[in-house]
N, C-alpha and C. Protein backbone atom coordinates (compact mmCIF):
# COMPACT_ATOMS: atom_id res chain seq x y z
N MET A 1 -21.62 -65.03 -9.23
CA MET A 1 -21.20 -66.32 -9.77
C MET A 1 -21.60 -67.45 -8.84
N LEU A 2 -21.41 -67.23 -7.52
CA LEU A 2 -21.76 -68.26 -6.57
C LEU A 2 -23.24 -68.59 -6.62
N ALA A 3 -24.08 -67.54 -6.63
CA ALA A 3 -25.52 -67.78 -6.67
C ALA A 3 -25.93 -68.51 -7.94
N LEU A 4 -25.32 -68.14 -9.07
CA LEU A 4 -25.66 -68.79 -10.33
C LEU A 4 -25.27 -70.26 -10.31
N SER A 5 -24.07 -70.56 -9.81
CA SER A 5 -23.64 -71.95 -9.76
C SER A 5 -24.53 -72.75 -8.82
N PHE A 6 -24.99 -72.12 -7.74
CA PHE A 6 -25.89 -72.79 -6.82
C PHE A 6 -27.20 -73.14 -7.51
N LEU A 7 -27.74 -72.21 -8.27
CA LEU A 7 -29.01 -72.45 -8.93
C LEU A 7 -28.90 -73.50 -10.02
N LYS A 8 -27.74 -73.59 -10.65
CA LYS A 8 -27.56 -74.58 -11.71
C LYS A 8 -27.37 -75.98 -11.16
N ARG A 9 -26.89 -76.10 -9.94
CA ARG A 9 -26.64 -77.40 -9.35
C ARG A 9 -27.93 -78.02 -8.87
N ASP A 10 -28.12 -79.30 -9.14
CA ASP A 10 -29.30 -79.99 -8.64
C ASP A 10 -29.28 -79.98 -7.12
N THR A 11 -30.40 -79.64 -6.51
CA THR A 11 -30.52 -79.63 -5.06
C THR A 11 -31.47 -80.75 -4.64
N PRO A 12 -31.24 -81.32 -3.48
CA PRO A 12 -32.04 -82.48 -3.07
C PRO A 12 -33.46 -82.10 -2.69
N VAL A 13 -34.39 -83.00 -3.00
CA VAL A 13 -35.77 -82.92 -2.56
C VAL A 13 -36.13 -84.28 -1.98
N LEU A 14 -36.54 -84.30 -0.72
CA LEU A 14 -36.86 -85.55 -0.02
C LEU A 14 -38.36 -85.56 0.26
N LYS A 15 -39.06 -86.56 -0.23
CA LYS A 15 -40.52 -86.61 -0.11
C LYS A 15 -40.96 -87.73 0.82
N GLY A 16 -41.82 -87.38 1.77
CA GLY A 16 -42.39 -88.34 2.68
C GLY A 16 -43.90 -88.42 2.51
N LYS A 17 -44.55 -89.12 3.43
CA LYS A 17 -46.00 -89.30 3.34
C LYS A 17 -46.75 -87.99 3.56
N ARG A 18 -46.29 -87.20 4.51
CA ARG A 18 -47.00 -85.96 4.85
C ARG A 18 -46.22 -84.70 4.54
N ILE A 19 -44.91 -84.82 4.34
CA ILE A 19 -44.07 -83.64 4.16
C ILE A 19 -43.09 -83.82 3.02
N THR A 20 -42.59 -82.70 2.54
CA THR A 20 -41.51 -82.68 1.55
C THR A 20 -40.43 -81.74 2.07
N LEU A 21 -39.19 -82.18 1.96
CA LEU A 21 -38.05 -81.36 2.34
C LEU A 21 -37.36 -80.84 1.09
N ARG A 22 -37.13 -79.55 1.04
CA ARG A 22 -36.33 -78.97 -0.04
C ARG A 22 -35.55 -77.79 0.52
N MET A 23 -34.53 -77.39 -0.22
CA MET A 23 -33.73 -76.27 0.24
C MET A 23 -34.48 -74.95 0.07
N PRO A 24 -34.26 -74.00 0.96
CA PRO A 24 -34.98 -72.72 0.88
C PRO A 24 -34.57 -71.89 -0.32
N VAL A 25 -35.52 -71.11 -0.82
CA VAL A 25 -35.30 -70.19 -1.93
C VAL A 25 -35.82 -68.81 -1.54
N SER A 26 -35.50 -67.82 -2.34
CA SER A 26 -35.86 -66.43 -2.01
C SER A 26 -37.35 -66.26 -1.75
N ALA A 27 -38.18 -66.97 -2.54
CA ALA A 27 -39.62 -66.81 -2.44
C ALA A 27 -40.20 -67.34 -1.13
N ASP A 28 -39.41 -68.03 -0.33
CA ASP A 28 -39.89 -68.56 0.94
C ASP A 28 -39.89 -67.53 2.06
N TYR A 29 -39.38 -66.34 1.78
CA TYR A 29 -39.18 -65.36 2.86
C TYR A 29 -40.46 -65.06 3.63
N ALA A 30 -41.54 -64.73 2.95
CA ALA A 30 -42.76 -64.31 3.65
C ALA A 30 -43.28 -65.42 4.56
N ALA A 31 -43.33 -66.64 4.06
CA ALA A 31 -43.83 -67.75 4.87
C ALA A 31 -42.91 -68.02 6.05
N TRP A 32 -41.60 -67.95 5.82
CA TRP A 32 -40.62 -68.18 6.89
C TRP A 32 -40.74 -67.11 7.97
N ALA A 33 -40.76 -65.85 7.58
CA ALA A 33 -40.83 -64.76 8.55
C ALA A 33 -42.13 -64.83 9.36
N ALA A 34 -43.23 -65.13 8.69
CA ALA A 34 -44.52 -65.18 9.38
C ALA A 34 -44.56 -66.32 10.39
N LEU A 35 -44.07 -67.49 9.99
CA LEU A 35 -44.10 -68.64 10.89
C LEU A 35 -43.16 -68.44 12.07
N ARG A 36 -41.99 -67.89 11.82
CA ARG A 36 -41.05 -67.64 12.90
C ARG A 36 -41.58 -66.58 13.88
N GLU A 37 -42.21 -65.55 13.35
CA GLU A 37 -42.74 -64.49 14.20
C GLU A 37 -43.85 -65.01 15.12
N VAL A 38 -44.78 -65.74 14.57
CA VAL A 38 -45.90 -66.22 15.38
C VAL A 38 -45.44 -67.31 16.36
N SER A 39 -44.29 -67.94 16.09
CA SER A 39 -43.77 -69.01 16.94
C SER A 39 -42.63 -68.54 17.83
N ARG A 40 -42.40 -67.24 17.90
CA ARG A 40 -41.19 -66.73 18.56
C ARG A 40 -41.06 -67.20 20.00
N SER A 41 -42.09 -67.04 20.81
CA SER A 41 -41.99 -67.43 22.22
C SER A 41 -41.81 -68.94 22.38
N PHE A 42 -42.28 -69.69 21.42
CA PHE A 42 -42.14 -71.15 21.42
C PHE A 42 -40.72 -71.58 21.08
N LEU A 43 -40.06 -70.82 20.20
CA LEU A 43 -38.74 -71.20 19.69
C LEU A 43 -37.58 -70.63 20.50
N GLU A 44 -37.74 -69.43 21.02
CA GLU A 44 -36.61 -68.73 21.63
C GLU A 44 -35.88 -69.50 22.74
N PRO A 45 -36.58 -70.25 23.59
CA PRO A 45 -35.84 -70.95 24.66
C PRO A 45 -34.84 -71.98 24.17
N TRP A 46 -34.94 -72.39 22.90
CA TRP A 46 -34.12 -73.49 22.38
C TRP A 46 -33.15 -73.05 21.30
N GLU A 47 -33.06 -71.76 21.05
CA GLU A 47 -32.24 -71.27 19.94
C GLU A 47 -31.26 -70.19 20.41
N PRO A 48 -30.20 -69.94 19.62
CA PRO A 48 -29.36 -68.77 19.90
C PRO A 48 -30.22 -67.50 19.94
N ARG A 49 -29.78 -66.52 20.74
CA ARG A 49 -30.56 -65.29 20.89
C ARG A 49 -30.83 -64.64 19.54
N TRP A 50 -32.06 -64.26 19.32
CA TRP A 50 -32.44 -63.65 18.04
C TRP A 50 -31.82 -62.26 17.91
N ALA A 51 -31.34 -61.95 16.73
CA ALA A 51 -30.80 -60.61 16.45
C ALA A 51 -31.96 -59.61 16.33
N PRO A 52 -31.70 -58.32 16.54
CA PRO A 52 -32.77 -57.32 16.41
C PRO A 52 -33.43 -57.33 15.03
N ASP A 53 -32.65 -57.67 13.99
CA ASP A 53 -33.20 -57.70 12.63
C ASP A 53 -33.47 -59.12 12.16
N GLU A 54 -33.67 -60.04 13.09
CA GLU A 54 -33.77 -61.48 12.80
C GLU A 54 -34.70 -61.80 11.63
N LEU A 55 -35.85 -61.13 11.57
CA LEU A 55 -36.87 -61.49 10.58
C LEU A 55 -36.95 -60.51 9.42
N GLU A 56 -36.01 -59.57 9.34
CA GLU A 56 -36.07 -58.60 8.25
C GLU A 56 -35.53 -59.19 6.96
N ARG A 57 -35.94 -58.60 5.86
CA ARG A 57 -35.61 -59.18 4.54
C ARG A 57 -34.11 -59.19 4.28
N GLN A 58 -33.38 -58.15 4.70
CA GLN A 58 -31.95 -58.13 4.47
C GLN A 58 -31.25 -59.26 5.23
N ALA A 59 -31.70 -59.50 6.46
CA ALA A 59 -31.14 -60.61 7.23
C ALA A 59 -31.46 -61.95 6.57
N TRP A 60 -32.64 -62.04 5.98
CA TRP A 60 -33.02 -63.25 5.24
C TRP A 60 -32.10 -63.46 4.04
N ARG A 61 -31.80 -62.38 3.32
CA ARG A 61 -30.91 -62.51 2.15
C ARG A 61 -29.54 -63.03 2.59
N MET A 62 -29.04 -62.51 3.70
CA MET A 62 -27.74 -62.97 4.19
C MET A 62 -27.81 -64.43 4.63
N ARG A 63 -28.90 -64.82 5.25
CA ARG A 63 -29.10 -66.21 5.67
C ARG A 63 -29.13 -67.13 4.45
N LEU A 64 -29.85 -66.71 3.43
CA LEU A 64 -29.96 -67.52 2.22
C LEU A 64 -28.60 -67.66 1.53
N GLN A 65 -27.83 -66.57 1.51
CA GLN A 65 -26.50 -66.63 0.93
C GLN A 65 -25.61 -67.60 1.69
N ARG A 66 -25.73 -67.60 3.02
CA ARG A 66 -24.95 -68.54 3.83
C ARG A 66 -25.37 -69.98 3.54
N TYR A 67 -26.67 -70.20 3.40
CA TYR A 67 -27.15 -71.53 3.03
C TYR A 67 -26.49 -71.99 1.72
N ARG A 68 -26.48 -71.09 0.75
CA ARG A 68 -25.94 -71.43 -0.57
C ARG A 68 -24.44 -71.74 -0.48
N GLU A 69 -23.73 -70.91 0.25
CA GLU A 69 -22.28 -71.12 0.37
C GLU A 69 -21.97 -72.42 1.09
N ASP A 70 -22.70 -72.71 2.16
CA ASP A 70 -22.47 -73.96 2.90
C ASP A 70 -22.75 -75.17 2.02
N TYR A 71 -23.81 -75.08 1.22
CA TYR A 71 -24.14 -76.20 0.35
C TYR A 71 -23.10 -76.38 -0.74
N GLN A 72 -22.64 -75.29 -1.30
CA GLN A 72 -21.61 -75.36 -2.34
C GLN A 72 -20.31 -75.96 -1.80
N ARG A 73 -19.96 -75.63 -0.57
CA ARG A 73 -18.75 -76.17 0.04
C ARG A 73 -18.92 -77.62 0.49
N GLY A 74 -20.16 -78.08 0.53
CA GLY A 74 -20.43 -79.42 1.01
C GLY A 74 -20.40 -79.54 2.51
N SER A 75 -20.53 -78.40 3.22
CA SER A 75 -20.46 -78.43 4.68
C SER A 75 -21.83 -78.51 5.34
N ALA A 76 -22.90 -78.27 4.58
CA ALA A 76 -24.24 -78.34 5.16
C ALA A 76 -25.29 -78.48 4.05
N VAL A 77 -26.41 -79.08 4.43
CA VAL A 77 -27.57 -79.15 3.54
C VAL A 77 -28.78 -78.69 4.36
N PRO A 78 -29.23 -77.45 4.13
CA PRO A 78 -30.39 -76.94 4.87
C PRO A 78 -31.69 -77.27 4.13
N PHE A 79 -32.66 -77.75 4.84
CA PHE A 79 -33.97 -78.05 4.27
C PHE A 79 -35.05 -77.25 4.97
N PHE A 80 -36.08 -76.85 4.24
CA PHE A 80 -37.33 -76.41 4.82
C PHE A 80 -38.31 -77.57 4.72
N ILE A 81 -39.25 -77.60 5.65
CA ILE A 81 -40.24 -78.68 5.73
C ILE A 81 -41.59 -78.13 5.28
N PHE A 82 -42.16 -78.73 4.26
CA PHE A 82 -43.44 -78.29 3.71
C PHE A 82 -44.47 -79.40 3.81
N LEU A 83 -45.71 -79.02 4.13
CA LEU A 83 -46.79 -79.99 4.19
C LEU A 83 -47.21 -80.37 2.77
N ASN A 84 -47.33 -81.66 2.51
CA ASN A 84 -47.78 -82.10 1.19
C ASN A 84 -49.23 -81.70 0.93
N GLN A 85 -50.03 -81.60 1.98
CA GLN A 85 -51.45 -81.34 1.82
C GLN A 85 -51.74 -79.97 1.21
N ASN A 86 -51.01 -78.96 1.68
CA ASN A 86 -51.30 -77.60 1.21
C ASN A 86 -50.06 -76.76 0.89
N GLY A 87 -48.88 -77.34 1.01
CA GLY A 87 -47.65 -76.62 0.70
C GLY A 87 -47.19 -75.65 1.76
N ALA A 88 -47.83 -75.66 2.93
CA ALA A 88 -47.47 -74.71 3.99
C ALA A 88 -46.10 -75.06 4.58
N LEU A 89 -45.35 -74.02 4.93
CA LEU A 89 -44.07 -74.21 5.61
C LEU A 89 -44.34 -74.61 7.05
N ALA A 90 -43.68 -75.68 7.51
CA ALA A 90 -43.89 -76.18 8.88
C ALA A 90 -42.66 -76.01 9.76
N GLY A 91 -41.46 -75.88 9.16
CA GLY A 91 -40.25 -75.77 9.96
C GLY A 91 -39.02 -75.96 9.11
N GLY A 92 -37.93 -76.32 9.74
CA GLY A 92 -36.67 -76.52 9.02
C GLY A 92 -35.83 -77.60 9.69
N ILE A 93 -34.97 -78.22 8.91
CA ILE A 93 -34.04 -79.22 9.43
C ILE A 93 -32.75 -79.12 8.61
N THR A 94 -31.62 -79.10 9.29
CA THR A 94 -30.33 -78.91 8.63
C THR A 94 -29.38 -80.04 8.99
N LEU A 95 -28.72 -80.55 7.98
CA LEU A 95 -27.61 -81.47 8.18
C LEU A 95 -26.36 -80.62 8.04
N GLY A 96 -25.70 -80.31 9.16
CA GLY A 96 -24.61 -79.35 9.15
C GLY A 96 -23.31 -79.93 9.65
N ASN A 97 -22.26 -79.11 9.57
CA ASN A 97 -20.92 -79.50 9.99
C ASN A 97 -20.54 -80.85 9.39
N ILE A 98 -20.80 -81.00 8.11
CA ILE A 98 -20.53 -82.25 7.41
C ILE A 98 -19.03 -82.41 7.24
N ARG A 99 -18.52 -83.56 7.66
CA ARG A 99 -17.09 -83.85 7.59
C ARG A 99 -16.88 -85.19 6.90
N HIS A 100 -15.89 -85.24 6.02
CA HIS A 100 -15.58 -86.48 5.33
C HIS A 100 -14.22 -86.99 5.84
N GLY A 101 -13.48 -87.67 5.03
CA GLY A 101 -12.19 -88.18 5.50
C GLY A 101 -12.38 -89.23 6.57
N VAL A 102 -11.60 -89.14 7.63
CA VAL A 102 -11.66 -90.16 8.67
C VAL A 102 -12.91 -90.03 9.55
N SER A 103 -13.60 -88.89 9.48
CA SER A 103 -14.76 -88.66 10.34
C SER A 103 -16.06 -89.16 9.71
N GLN A 104 -16.36 -88.70 8.50
CA GLN A 104 -17.59 -89.06 7.78
C GLN A 104 -18.82 -88.88 8.68
N SER A 105 -18.98 -87.66 9.18
CA SER A 105 -20.04 -87.40 10.15
C SER A 105 -20.70 -86.05 9.87
N ALA A 106 -21.80 -85.82 10.56
CA ALA A 106 -22.52 -84.55 10.44
C ALA A 106 -23.35 -84.35 11.69
N GLN A 107 -23.85 -83.13 11.85
CA GLN A 107 -24.73 -82.81 12.97
C GLN A 107 -26.09 -82.40 12.42
N ILE A 108 -27.13 -82.78 13.12
CA ILE A 108 -28.48 -82.46 12.69
C ILE A 108 -29.10 -81.47 13.67
N GLY A 109 -29.81 -80.48 13.12
CA GLY A 109 -30.52 -79.51 13.93
C GLY A 109 -31.86 -79.21 13.27
N TYR A 110 -32.85 -78.78 14.06
CA TYR A 110 -34.17 -78.58 13.48
C TYR A 110 -35.01 -77.62 14.32
N TRP A 111 -36.06 -77.11 13.70
CA TRP A 111 -37.06 -76.29 14.39
C TRP A 111 -38.40 -76.52 13.72
N VAL A 112 -39.47 -76.31 14.46
CA VAL A 112 -40.81 -76.47 13.91
C VAL A 112 -41.68 -75.33 14.42
N GLY A 113 -42.56 -74.83 13.57
CA GLY A 113 -43.50 -73.79 13.98
C GLY A 113 -44.45 -74.31 15.05
N GLU A 114 -44.84 -73.45 15.97
CA GLU A 114 -45.64 -73.89 17.11
C GLU A 114 -46.93 -74.57 16.67
N ARG A 115 -47.58 -74.07 15.65
CA ARG A 115 -48.86 -74.65 15.24
C ARG A 115 -48.71 -76.06 14.66
N HIS A 116 -47.47 -76.42 14.29
CA HIS A 116 -47.24 -77.74 13.70
C HIS A 116 -46.59 -78.73 14.67
N ALA A 117 -46.32 -78.28 15.89
CA ALA A 117 -45.66 -79.13 16.88
C ALA A 117 -46.61 -80.20 17.39
N GLY A 118 -46.04 -81.32 17.81
CA GLY A 118 -46.83 -82.39 18.41
C GLY A 118 -47.57 -83.26 17.42
N ARG A 119 -47.25 -83.16 16.15
CA ARG A 119 -47.95 -83.93 15.12
C ARG A 119 -47.07 -85.01 14.49
N GLY A 120 -45.84 -85.15 14.97
CA GLY A 120 -44.95 -86.15 14.43
C GLY A 120 -44.26 -85.75 13.14
N LEU A 121 -44.39 -84.48 12.75
CA LEU A 121 -43.79 -84.04 11.49
C LEU A 121 -42.27 -84.03 11.57
N MET A 122 -41.72 -83.63 12.71
CA MET A 122 -40.26 -83.58 12.81
C MET A 122 -39.66 -84.97 12.82
N LEU A 123 -40.33 -85.92 13.43
CA LEU A 123 -39.84 -87.30 13.37
C LEU A 123 -39.80 -87.78 11.93
N GLU A 124 -40.82 -87.46 11.15
CA GLU A 124 -40.82 -87.84 9.74
C GLU A 124 -39.68 -87.15 9.00
N ALA A 125 -39.43 -85.89 9.32
CA ALA A 125 -38.34 -85.16 8.67
C ALA A 125 -36.99 -85.78 9.00
N VAL A 126 -36.77 -86.10 10.27
CA VAL A 126 -35.51 -86.73 10.66
C VAL A 126 -35.33 -88.06 9.94
N ASN A 127 -36.41 -88.83 9.83
CA ASN A 127 -36.33 -90.13 9.17
C ASN A 127 -36.15 -90.02 7.66
N LEU A 128 -36.43 -88.86 7.09
CA LEU A 128 -36.10 -88.62 5.68
C LEU A 128 -34.63 -88.23 5.51
N VAL A 129 -34.11 -87.48 6.47
CA VAL A 129 -32.73 -87.02 6.38
C VAL A 129 -31.73 -88.14 6.65
N ILE A 130 -32.10 -89.09 7.50
CA ILE A 130 -31.16 -90.16 7.86
C ILE A 130 -30.68 -90.94 6.64
N PRO A 131 -31.55 -91.50 5.81
CA PRO A 131 -31.03 -92.23 4.64
C PRO A 131 -30.31 -91.35 3.64
N TYR A 132 -30.70 -90.07 3.55
CA TYR A 132 -29.97 -89.15 2.69
C TYR A 132 -28.53 -89.00 3.18
N ALA A 133 -28.37 -88.87 4.50
CA ALA A 133 -27.03 -88.71 5.08
C ALA A 133 -26.19 -89.96 4.89
N PHE A 134 -26.77 -91.13 5.16
CA PHE A 134 -26.00 -92.37 5.10
C PHE A 134 -25.79 -92.86 3.67
N ASP A 135 -26.82 -92.82 2.86
CA ASP A 135 -26.74 -93.42 1.53
C ASP A 135 -26.27 -92.46 0.46
N THR A 136 -26.83 -91.26 0.43
CA THR A 136 -26.46 -90.30 -0.61
C THR A 136 -25.13 -89.63 -0.30
N LEU A 137 -24.94 -89.19 0.94
CA LEU A 137 -23.70 -88.51 1.31
C LEU A 137 -22.62 -89.48 1.78
N GLY A 138 -22.98 -90.71 2.05
CA GLY A 138 -21.99 -91.71 2.45
C GLY A 138 -21.41 -91.47 3.83
N LEU A 139 -22.19 -90.87 4.73
CA LEU A 139 -21.70 -90.60 6.07
C LEU A 139 -21.78 -91.85 6.95
N HIS A 140 -21.02 -91.82 8.02
CA HIS A 140 -20.97 -92.94 8.96
C HIS A 140 -21.71 -92.63 10.26
N ARG A 141 -21.79 -91.35 10.63
CA ARG A 141 -22.32 -90.97 11.94
C ARG A 141 -23.09 -89.66 11.84
N ILE A 142 -24.24 -89.60 12.49
CA ILE A 142 -25.02 -88.36 12.62
C ILE A 142 -25.13 -88.04 14.11
N GLU A 143 -24.82 -86.80 14.47
CA GLU A 143 -24.90 -86.36 15.86
C GLU A 143 -26.00 -85.31 16.03
N ALA A 144 -26.52 -85.21 17.24
CA ALA A 144 -27.48 -84.17 17.58
C ALA A 144 -27.25 -83.77 19.02
N ALA A 145 -27.32 -82.47 19.31
CA ALA A 145 -27.19 -81.95 20.67
C ALA A 145 -28.53 -81.41 21.12
N CYS A 146 -28.91 -81.73 22.34
CA CYS A 146 -30.24 -81.38 22.82
C CYS A 146 -30.19 -80.93 24.27
N ILE A 147 -30.80 -79.78 24.57
CA ILE A 147 -30.91 -79.30 25.95
C ILE A 147 -31.72 -80.30 26.76
N PRO A 148 -31.25 -80.69 27.95
CA PRO A 148 -31.96 -81.71 28.73
C PRO A 148 -33.43 -81.42 29.00
N ASP A 149 -33.82 -80.14 29.08
CA ASP A 149 -35.22 -79.79 29.34
C ASP A 149 -36.09 -79.86 28.09
N ASN A 150 -35.49 -80.04 26.93
CA ASN A 150 -36.25 -80.05 25.68
C ASN A 150 -36.81 -81.45 25.43
N ARG A 151 -37.87 -81.76 26.12
CA ARG A 151 -38.43 -83.12 26.07
C ARG A 151 -38.97 -83.48 24.69
N ARG A 152 -39.51 -82.49 23.99
CA ARG A 152 -40.02 -82.78 22.64
C ARG A 152 -38.89 -83.26 21.73
N SER A 153 -37.76 -82.57 21.78
CA SER A 153 -36.64 -82.92 20.92
C SER A 153 -36.06 -84.27 21.32
N ILE A 154 -35.98 -84.52 22.61
CA ILE A 154 -35.48 -85.81 23.08
C ILE A 154 -36.35 -86.94 22.56
N ARG A 155 -37.67 -86.76 22.59
CA ARG A 155 -38.58 -87.80 22.09
C ARG A 155 -38.35 -88.06 20.61
N VAL A 156 -38.16 -86.98 19.84
CA VAL A 156 -37.92 -87.13 18.41
C VAL A 156 -36.66 -87.97 18.17
N LEU A 157 -35.58 -87.61 18.84
CA LEU A 157 -34.31 -88.31 18.61
C LEU A 157 -34.38 -89.77 19.05
N GLU A 158 -35.01 -90.02 20.18
CA GLU A 158 -35.06 -91.40 20.67
C GLU A 158 -36.00 -92.26 19.81
N LYS A 159 -37.09 -91.67 19.32
CA LYS A 159 -37.95 -92.41 18.41
C LYS A 159 -37.26 -92.70 17.08
N ALA A 160 -36.34 -91.82 16.69
CA ALA A 160 -35.55 -92.03 15.47
C ALA A 160 -34.35 -92.94 15.73
N ARG A 161 -34.24 -93.49 16.96
CA ARG A 161 -33.25 -94.50 17.33
C ARG A 161 -31.84 -93.93 17.51
N PHE A 162 -31.78 -92.63 17.80
CA PHE A 162 -30.50 -92.07 18.23
C PHE A 162 -30.21 -92.56 19.65
N THR A 163 -28.93 -92.71 19.96
CA THR A 163 -28.49 -93.14 21.29
C THR A 163 -27.87 -91.97 22.04
N ARG A 164 -28.27 -91.79 23.29
CA ARG A 164 -27.65 -90.75 24.12
C ARG A 164 -26.27 -91.22 24.55
N GLU A 165 -25.25 -90.41 24.24
CA GLU A 165 -23.87 -90.81 24.51
C GLU A 165 -23.25 -90.09 25.71
N GLY A 166 -23.85 -88.98 26.13
CA GLY A 166 -23.28 -88.28 27.27
C GLY A 166 -23.82 -86.88 27.40
N LEU A 167 -23.25 -86.13 28.33
CA LEU A 167 -23.65 -84.75 28.60
C LEU A 167 -22.49 -83.83 28.27
N LEU A 168 -22.74 -82.84 27.44
CA LEU A 168 -21.75 -81.84 27.07
C LEU A 168 -21.98 -80.60 27.95
N LYS A 169 -21.06 -80.32 28.84
CA LYS A 169 -21.24 -79.22 29.79
C LYS A 169 -21.04 -77.87 29.11
N SER A 170 -21.98 -76.95 29.37
CA SER A 170 -21.88 -75.58 28.88
C SER A 170 -21.50 -75.56 27.40
N TYR A 171 -22.25 -76.31 26.60
CA TYR A 171 -21.85 -76.62 25.22
C TYR A 171 -22.17 -75.51 24.22
N LEU A 172 -23.39 -74.98 24.27
CA LEU A 172 -23.81 -73.95 23.31
C LEU A 172 -24.50 -72.80 24.05
N ARG A 173 -24.31 -71.60 23.49
CA ARG A 173 -24.97 -70.43 24.08
C ARG A 173 -26.36 -70.29 23.46
N ILE A 174 -27.37 -70.61 24.23
CA ILE A 174 -28.75 -70.63 23.77
C ILE A 174 -29.54 -69.54 24.48
N ASN A 175 -30.20 -68.70 23.70
CA ASN A 175 -31.01 -67.61 24.24
C ASN A 175 -30.24 -66.79 25.26
N GLY A 176 -28.94 -66.61 24.99
CA GLY A 176 -28.12 -65.75 25.82
C GLY A 176 -27.39 -66.42 26.96
N SER A 177 -27.62 -67.72 27.19
CA SER A 177 -26.98 -68.42 28.31
C SER A 177 -26.31 -69.70 27.82
N TRP A 178 -25.15 -70.02 28.41
CA TRP A 178 -24.48 -71.27 28.08
C TRP A 178 -25.26 -72.42 28.68
N GLN A 179 -25.57 -73.40 27.83
CA GLN A 179 -26.43 -74.50 28.24
C GLN A 179 -25.73 -75.84 28.08
N ASP A 180 -25.97 -76.73 29.06
CA ASP A 180 -25.57 -78.13 28.89
C ASP A 180 -26.43 -78.76 27.81
N HIS A 181 -25.86 -79.74 27.12
CA HIS A 181 -26.61 -80.47 26.09
C HIS A 181 -26.32 -81.96 26.20
N TYR A 182 -27.35 -82.75 25.99
CA TYR A 182 -27.12 -84.17 25.77
C TYR A 182 -26.57 -84.35 24.36
N LEU A 183 -25.64 -85.27 24.21
CA LEU A 183 -25.15 -85.65 22.89
C LEU A 183 -25.82 -86.95 22.48
N TYR A 184 -26.48 -86.91 21.34
CA TYR A 184 -27.09 -88.10 20.75
C TYR A 184 -26.36 -88.43 19.45
N ALA A 185 -26.36 -89.70 19.08
CA ALA A 185 -25.71 -90.09 17.83
C ALA A 185 -26.41 -91.31 17.24
N LEU A 186 -26.30 -91.42 15.94
CA LEU A 186 -26.79 -92.57 15.19
C LEU A 186 -25.69 -93.00 14.24
N ILE A 187 -25.36 -94.28 14.26
CA ILE A 187 -24.30 -94.85 13.42
C ILE A 187 -24.94 -95.61 12.26
N ALA A 188 -24.38 -95.49 11.09
CA ALA A 188 -24.96 -96.11 9.90
C ALA A 188 -25.18 -97.60 10.08
N SER A 189 -24.20 -98.29 10.62
CA SER A 189 -24.29 -99.75 10.73
C SER A 189 -25.30 -100.20 11.79
N ASP A 190 -25.72 -99.27 12.68
CA ASP A 190 -26.67 -99.62 13.73
C ASP A 190 -28.11 -99.31 13.37
N PHE A 191 -28.31 -98.71 12.22
CA PHE A 191 -29.66 -98.28 11.86
C PHE A 191 -30.28 -99.24 10.86
N PRO A 192 -31.46 -99.81 11.17
CA PRO A 192 -32.12 -100.69 10.21
C PRO A 192 -32.44 -99.93 8.94
N ALA A 193 -32.30 -100.57 7.81
CA ALA A 193 -32.40 -99.87 6.53
C ALA A 193 -33.50 -100.46 5.66
N PRO A 194 -34.76 -100.06 5.89
CA PRO A 194 -35.85 -100.60 5.07
C PRO A 194 -35.75 -100.17 3.61
N TRP A 195 -34.95 -99.11 3.34
CA TRP A 195 -34.81 -98.66 1.96
C TRP A 195 -33.77 -99.46 1.19
N GLY A 196 -33.12 -100.44 1.84
CA GLY A 196 -32.28 -101.34 1.08
C GLY A 196 -30.81 -101.30 1.37
N ARG A 197 -30.33 -100.35 2.21
CA ARG A 197 -28.90 -100.33 2.51
C ARG A 197 -28.56 -101.48 3.44
N THR A 198 -27.42 -102.06 3.23
CA THR A 198 -26.97 -103.12 4.12
C THR A 198 -25.58 -102.77 4.63
N GLY A 199 -25.42 -102.83 5.96
CA GLY A 199 -24.11 -102.64 6.55
C GLY A 199 -23.67 -101.20 6.58
N ASN A 200 -22.40 -100.99 6.79
CA ASN A 200 -21.79 -99.68 6.97
C ASN A 200 -21.39 -99.12 5.62
N THR A 201 -21.75 -97.85 5.36
CA THR A 201 -21.40 -97.23 4.09
C THR A 201 -20.01 -96.61 4.13
N ALA A 202 -19.38 -96.61 5.29
CA ALA A 202 -18.05 -95.96 5.41
C ALA A 202 -17.00 -96.72 4.62
């Protein structure tokens, strides 16, 4: 029933100049597994430790089910990033831990395949998610946590006009070790809105 209701519900598609963001579907498994496998050494230093069955089809089914459940609950919107030129999968970006009420906030996380890194694709993806978060979801604040050594991610966030707010000590267990993270945030009222939003949506 859950899967059927998920499929019946309209899911967001965000289109940019070079990329399109859409939610993952079952047919994405082969492209996802291949890109993650070839990018493993590139990704592992910045992610939770991979499970032994990380790239197997059963683990993918469980991941997809979790995506669906999170979306149905309104707690997360996971996107895959596809190149407009040829439809190739380039990475993923998730708006997660979505909270309404007095908070009206969410956290953003992302990954990109090694062959697609350094091309500005993730910055474009972040800039597509920002107006979706503020205007469509009506959020007030977007947060991102970044390991201090992850210079690529820091550049993405700062180019997207996130502000560094502090250092979170031993915040997340990444690749088997507890890591400090910088906390970055973007507030709706502080972000210029070329798409037409004015002021705070809260």
